[in-house]
Structures are given as structure tokens and as C-alpha cells.
Protein backbone atom coordinates (compact mmCIF):
# COMPACT_ATOMS: atom_id res chain seq x y z
CA MET A 1 55.86 -31.44 51.69
CA THR A 2 54.78 -27.85 51.22
CA MET A 3 51.96 -27.26 48.72
CA THR A 4 52.90 -25.12 45.73
CA ASN A 5 51.37 -21.67 45.97
CA HIS A 6 49.91 -21.11 42.51
CA TYR A 7 48.93 -17.55 43.42
CA GLU A 8 52.58 -16.69 44.11
CA THR A 9 53.60 -18.47 40.93
CA LEU A 10 51.38 -16.14 38.88
CA GLY A 11 52.11 -13.15 41.12
CA ILE A 12 48.48 -12.51 42.04
CA THR A 13 46.34 -12.42 45.18
CA GLU A 14 43.78 -15.00 46.21
CA GLN A 15 41.06 -12.46 45.40
CA ALA A 16 42.13 -12.18 41.75
CA ASN A 17 39.30 -12.66 39.28
CA ALA A 18 39.37 -14.70 36.07
CA SER A 19 40.51 -11.74 33.93
CA GLU A 20 43.40 -10.97 36.27
CA ILE A 21 44.46 -14.63 36.37
CA LYS A 22 44.43 -14.81 32.58
CA ALA A 23 46.35 -11.55 32.20
CA ALA A 24 49.04 -12.67 34.67
CA PHE A 25 49.44 -16.00 32.87
CA LYS A 26 49.80 -14.32 29.47
CA LYS A 27 52.44 -11.97 30.76
CA LEU A 28 54.50 -14.72 32.46
CA ALA A 29 54.01 -17.23 29.61
CA VAL A 30 55.52 -14.78 27.14
CA GLN A 31 58.31 -13.88 29.58
CA TYR A 32 59.35 -17.46 30.44
CA HIS A 33 58.51 -19.34 27.27
CA PRO A 34 61.40 -21.77 26.56
CA ASP A 35 61.63 -20.65 22.94
CA LYS A 36 62.78 -17.24 24.15
CA HIS A 37 65.58 -18.79 26.22
CA GLY A 38 66.94 -21.43 23.86
CA GLY A 39 65.20 -24.29 25.68
CA HIS A 40 66.99 -23.57 28.99
CA PRO A 41 65.98 -26.26 31.55
CA GLU A 42 65.30 -23.76 34.35
CA MET A 43 63.10 -21.65 32.13
CA GLU A 44 61.32 -24.77 30.94
CA GLU A 45 60.64 -25.80 34.55
CA ARG A 46 59.46 -22.30 35.41
CA PHE A 47 57.14 -22.34 32.39
CA LYS A 48 55.71 -25.66 33.59
CA GLU A 49 54.93 -24.14 37.00
CA ILE A 50 53.25 -21.12 35.41
CA ASN A 51 51.23 -23.33 33.08
CA GLU A 52 50.16 -25.66 35.92
CA ALA A 53 49.16 -22.71 38.10
CA TYR A 54 47.02 -21.32 35.31
CA GLN A 55 45.43 -24.74 34.60
CA VAL A 56 44.30 -24.92 38.24
CA LEU A 57 43.26 -21.32 38.90
CA SER A 58 41.49 -20.77 35.57
CA ASN A 59 39.21 -23.77 36.22
CA PRO A 60 36.57 -22.82 38.83
CA TYR A 61 36.21 -26.43 40.03
CA GLU A 62 39.97 -27.05 40.32
CA LYS A 63 40.47 -23.66 41.95
CA ALA A 64 37.83 -24.45 44.60
CA ARG A 65 39.49 -27.81 45.39
CA TYR A 66 42.89 -26.16 45.51
CA ASP A 67 41.68 -23.39 47.86
CA LEU A 68 40.10 -25.96 50.20
CA ALA A 69 43.27 -28.02 50.27
CA ARG A 70 45.31 -24.92 51.16
CA GLN A 71 42.79 -23.88 53.83
CA PHE A 72 42.89 -27.24 55.61
CA GLY A 73 46.61 -27.72 55.11
CA THR A 74 46.33 -30.78 52.87
CA THR A 75 49.49 -31.46 50.90
CA SER A 76 48.17 -34.36 48.87
CA TYR A 77 46.17 -32.16 46.46
CA THR A 78 46.49 -33.23 42.86
CA THR A 79 44.82 -31.60 39.94
CA THR A 80 42.33 -33.62 37.92
CA SER A 81 43.54 -31.84 34.86
CA THR A 82 45.03 -34.05 32.20
CA TYR A 83 48.04 -31.79 32.19
CA SER A 84 49.82 -33.56 35.11
CA GLU A 85 49.11 -36.99 33.65
CA GLN A 86 50.93 -36.37 30.40
CA PRO A 87 54.60 -35.66 29.76
CA TYR A 88 55.25 -31.98 29.24
CA SER A 89 55.70 -30.77 25.73
CA TYR A 90 55.59 -27.34 24.29
CA HIS A 91 55.29 -25.93 20.81
CA ARG A 92 56.14 -22.61 19.41
CA PRO A 93 52.93 -20.57 19.43
CA LYS A 94 51.58 -19.74 16.00
CA ARG A 95 50.82 -16.20 17.08
CA PRO A 96 51.53 -14.07 20.17
CA TYR A 97 48.93 -13.68 22.84
CA VAL A 98 46.77 -10.71 21.95
CA ASP A 99 43.40 -9.58 23.13
CA PRO A 100 40.68 -9.97 20.49
CA ARG A 101 39.99 -6.67 18.82
CA ILE A 102 37.47 -5.59 16.21
CA ASN A 103 38.93 -5.49 12.73
CA TRP A 104 37.39 -2.25 11.60
CA ARG A 105 38.59 -2.71 8.01
CA GLU A 106 36.94 -6.11 7.65
CA ASN A 107 33.85 -4.81 9.43
CA TRP A 108 33.65 -1.85 7.03
CA ILE A 109 34.09 -4.13 4.00
CA ALA A 110 31.33 -6.46 5.24
CA THR A 111 29.04 -3.49 5.82
CA ALA A 112 29.83 -2.13 2.37
CA TYR A 113 29.06 -5.50 0.78
CA ALA A 114 25.75 -5.71 2.64
CA PHE A 115 24.82 -2.16 1.64
CA GLY A 116 25.84 -2.83 -1.96
CA PHE A 117 23.79 -6.03 -2.12
CA THR A 118 20.75 -4.22 -0.70
CA LEU A 119 21.21 -1.37 -3.18
CA ILE A 120 21.50 -3.78 -6.11
CA MET A 121 18.37 -5.64 -5.06
CA ALA A 122 16.49 -2.33 -4.72
CA ILE A 123 17.63 -1.29 -8.20
CA ILE A 124 16.52 -4.65 -9.64
CA VAL A 125 13.10 -4.39 -7.98
CA MET A 126 12.60 -0.76 -9.03
CA SER A 127 13.78 -1.58 -12.56
CA GLY A 128 11.28 -4.44 -12.69
CA ILE A 129 8.48 -2.13 -11.60
CA GLY A 130 9.58 0.49 -14.11
CA ILE A 131 9.72 -2.04 -16.94
CA LYS A 132 6.26 -3.37 -16.02
CA ASN A 133 4.84 0.16 -15.98
CA LEU A 134 6.49 0.84 -19.33
CA ILE A 135 4.99 -2.34 -20.81
CA ASP A 136 1.55 -1.52 -19.38
CA THR A 137 1.76 2.01 -20.78
CA LYS A 138 2.80 0.70 -24.20
CA ARG A 139 -0.08 -1.80 -24.21
CA LEU A 140 -2.53 0.94 -23.23
CA GLU A 141 -1.23 3.19 -25.98
CA GLU A 142 -1.57 0.36 -28.51
CA LYS A 143 -5.11 -0.34 -27.32
CA LEU A 144 -6.06 3.35 -27.55
CA ALA A 145 -4.49 3.56 -31.02
CA LEU A 146 -6.54 0.56 -32.17
CA ARG A 147 -9.76 2.03 -30.75
CA ARG A 148 -8.92 5.36 -32.37
CA SER A 149 -8.49 3.67 -35.76
CA ILE A 150 -11.89 1.97 -35.32
CA PHE A 151 -13.45 5.33 -34.49
CA VAL A 152 -11.98 6.85 -37.64
CA SER A 153 -13.56 3.99 -39.62
CA VAL A 154 -16.90 4.69 -37.89
CA GLN A 155 -16.76 8.33 -38.98
CA ASN A 156 -15.86 7.36 -42.54
CA ASP A 157 -18.69 4.79 -42.72
CA TYR A 158 -21.19 7.29 -41.35
CA HIS A 159 -20.23 9.97 -43.85
CA LYS A 160 -20.45 7.40 -46.67
CA GLY A 161 -24.01 6.55 -45.65
CA LYS A 162 -23.17 3.25 -43.96
CA VAL A 163 -25.03 4.35 -40.85
CA GLU A 164 -25.91 0.98 -39.36
CA ALA A 165 -22.39 -0.40 -39.87
CA ALA A 166 -21.01 2.73 -38.22
CA LEU A 167 -23.37 2.38 -35.23
CA ILE A 168 -22.48 -1.30 -34.75
CA SER A 169 -18.75 -0.54 -34.70
CA LEU A 170 -19.34 2.44 -32.43
CA ASN A 171 -21.26 0.29 -29.91
CA ASP A 172 -18.53 -2.36 -30.04
CA LEU A 173 -16.13 0.20 -28.57
CA GLY A 174 -18.09 0.02 -25.31
CA VAL A 175 -17.32 2.51 -22.54
CA PHE A 176 -15.08 5.41 -23.52
CA GLY A 177 -12.03 6.38 -21.48
CA ASP A 178 -10.79 9.78 -20.30
CA LYS A 179 -8.78 10.28 -23.50
CA GLU A 180 -11.77 9.42 -25.69
CA SER A 181 -14.15 12.25 -24.78
CA ASP A 182 -14.46 13.27 -28.47
CA MET A 183 -15.64 9.74 -29.32
CA LYS A 184 -18.23 9.83 -26.56
CA GLU A 185 -19.48 13.25 -27.69
CA PHE A 186 -19.72 12.03 -31.30
CA LYS A 187 -21.92 9.09 -30.25
CA GLU A 188 -24.20 11.25 -28.11
CA ARG A 189 -24.49 13.85 -30.87
CA LEU A 190 -25.54 11.18 -33.39
CA TYR A 191 -28.51 10.01 -31.36
CA VAL A 192 -29.59 13.57 -30.57
CA GLU A 193 -29.43 14.23 -34.30
CA PHE A 194 -31.43 11.05 -35.07
CA LEU A 195 -34.09 11.99 -32.55
CA ASP A 196 -34.35 15.52 -33.96
CA LYS A 197 -34.69 14.25 -37.53
CA ALA A 198 -37.24 11.65 -36.45
CA GLU A 199 -39.36 14.27 -34.66
CA ARG A 200 -39.27 16.68 -37.60
CA SER A 201 -40.08 13.94 -40.10
CA TYR A 202 -42.95 12.76 -37.93
CA LYS A 203 -44.41 16.26 -37.68
CA LYS A 204 -44.17 16.61 -41.48
CA ALA A 205 -45.99 13.28 -41.88
CA GLN A 206 -42.85 11.82 -43.43
CA TYR A 207 -43.48 8.60 -41.60
CA GLU A 208 -40.99 6.38 -43.43
CA ASP A 209 -38.14 8.72 -42.57
CA ALA A 210 -39.43 9.05 -39.00
CA ILE A 211 -39.61 5.27 -38.63
CA TYR A 212 -36.05 4.91 -40.01
CA TYR A 213 -34.57 7.28 -37.45
CA PHE A 214 -36.71 5.98 -34.59
CA GLU A 215 -35.60 2.42 -35.37
CA LEU A 216 -31.95 3.48 -35.42
CA ILE A 217 -32.40 4.92 -31.96
CA GLN A 218 -34.32 1.88 -30.73
CA ASN A 219 -31.91 -0.70 -32.18
CA TYR A 220 -28.59 0.98 -31.53
CA GLY A 221 -29.24 3.77 -29.04
CA PRO A 222 -28.36 3.65 -25.33
CA ARG A 223 -32.01 3.44 -24.27
CA THR A 224 -35.57 3.42 -25.70
CA THR A 225 -37.90 5.98 -24.17
CA TYR A 226 -41.69 5.71 -23.78
CA VAL A 227 -42.13 8.64 -26.22
CA LEU A 228 -40.07 6.80 -28.84
CA GLN A 229 -42.19 3.66 -28.51
CA GLU A 230 -45.35 5.77 -28.77
CA HIS A 231 -44.11 7.46 -31.96
CA LEU A 232 -43.25 4.12 -33.53
CA ALA A 233 -46.71 2.78 -32.74
CA ASP A 234 -48.40 5.84 -34.25
CA SER A 235 -46.25 5.67 -37.34
């Protein structure tokens, strides 16, 4: 019994690679599919041969066994594929054989979704940062407004003669910021004025007045100098 030549069945050479084997099978399967010929017995048998040839040649292991059998003239070769062990049946393919191709429309939509998601996340993050900065700015403005109102009270107390109360509130403000240079200058000017009045009172022997101003500087001023301590001792 002559061995079936699967290469001739598919119309290819023995040197055909996997891609060529697959392409030949697709072409013949479409051409001889029984559905295209009303279930004609001859076409069905031809389709079986094409299918069996592809089952053998597309499997590297089965192809190697088949080639060895042909080389040594063995006619008892049988495929280990489950195809020959089961009765043949065929079904109408759900879709024609086509090579996989990139769906550029779906790819573009997926890319657009990814870009849109990234853009939305960036907007959310930037909005969050902007809101935080806005809140921080508002809090700073409220804090500066409160400090400014305290400073106005300090000025009012000082002009009303409530000097010590004014100095206590002024010291409670602590370090002045960049927008509070006038407040800093006011504080410095007060102590320069106190020192000047204390020196003039001391030179005029108005010791009570001198002591009053020297004590203001000592108790509320930024620092107590050696000269100030000496004047207080002499007074």
C-alpha cells in the first residue's frame, strides 16, 4: 500500500516551513470545504485528506515521524493525532480564515482612554495642589489680619497711655514677617525713644522718670545693656 503524500495533498514541497504549510492548508480548506459544495461526498473526502495532511505536517513531532517513514519506505505509518481515531465531522466555521491584523480603531480608542485617564488624574492632582495653596494662602491672610488688628490695638493703647499693656501685646506678636516691616519699625522706634527719654531724664536728675523708662526697656525690651544696668543702679 502506497503511503499518502501529504506534501502533494497540500501542494507544497518537503522544504516548506510552518507558515507555508499553514497558508496552503487555509487556501485548500476554503476551496474544498463541504459547505461550499452542498456536502458532496468527494469534496468531503478531499477535505478529510487536506485536514489530515495539515494535522501531520503542522505538528513537528508527527512531521518528523512521517518524514522518516517516507524515507525508509514504511507504509504502516499512522498518526498519533486523535483525528484518525474519531469519526470525521465538520462544522460550518464561525468566521473565515483571516490573518490577525491590528484593529487600529480599537487601538486608537484604547490609547485615547488611557490618555484621557492620565489627563483627568493630572487635573485632579493639580486641582488638589491648587486648592491646598489657596487654603494656605487664605489661612495666612487671616493670620496676618489678626496680627494686624492686634498691632492696631497696641498703637491705640500706647497713645492712650497704656504703655505696659501695649508692650506686652507687642511682644506677644513675636517675630515679624516680611509684610510686617512697619510693625517691626514701630517696636524698635519705641525702645529708642524710651532710651532717649531715660537718658535725658537722668541727665536732668529726674530720676523717677529715668527709672520708669529704664525699667520699661529692661522688662520689655529686646535686651538689657550694661549701661542700662549701671544707670538703674545709680538712680
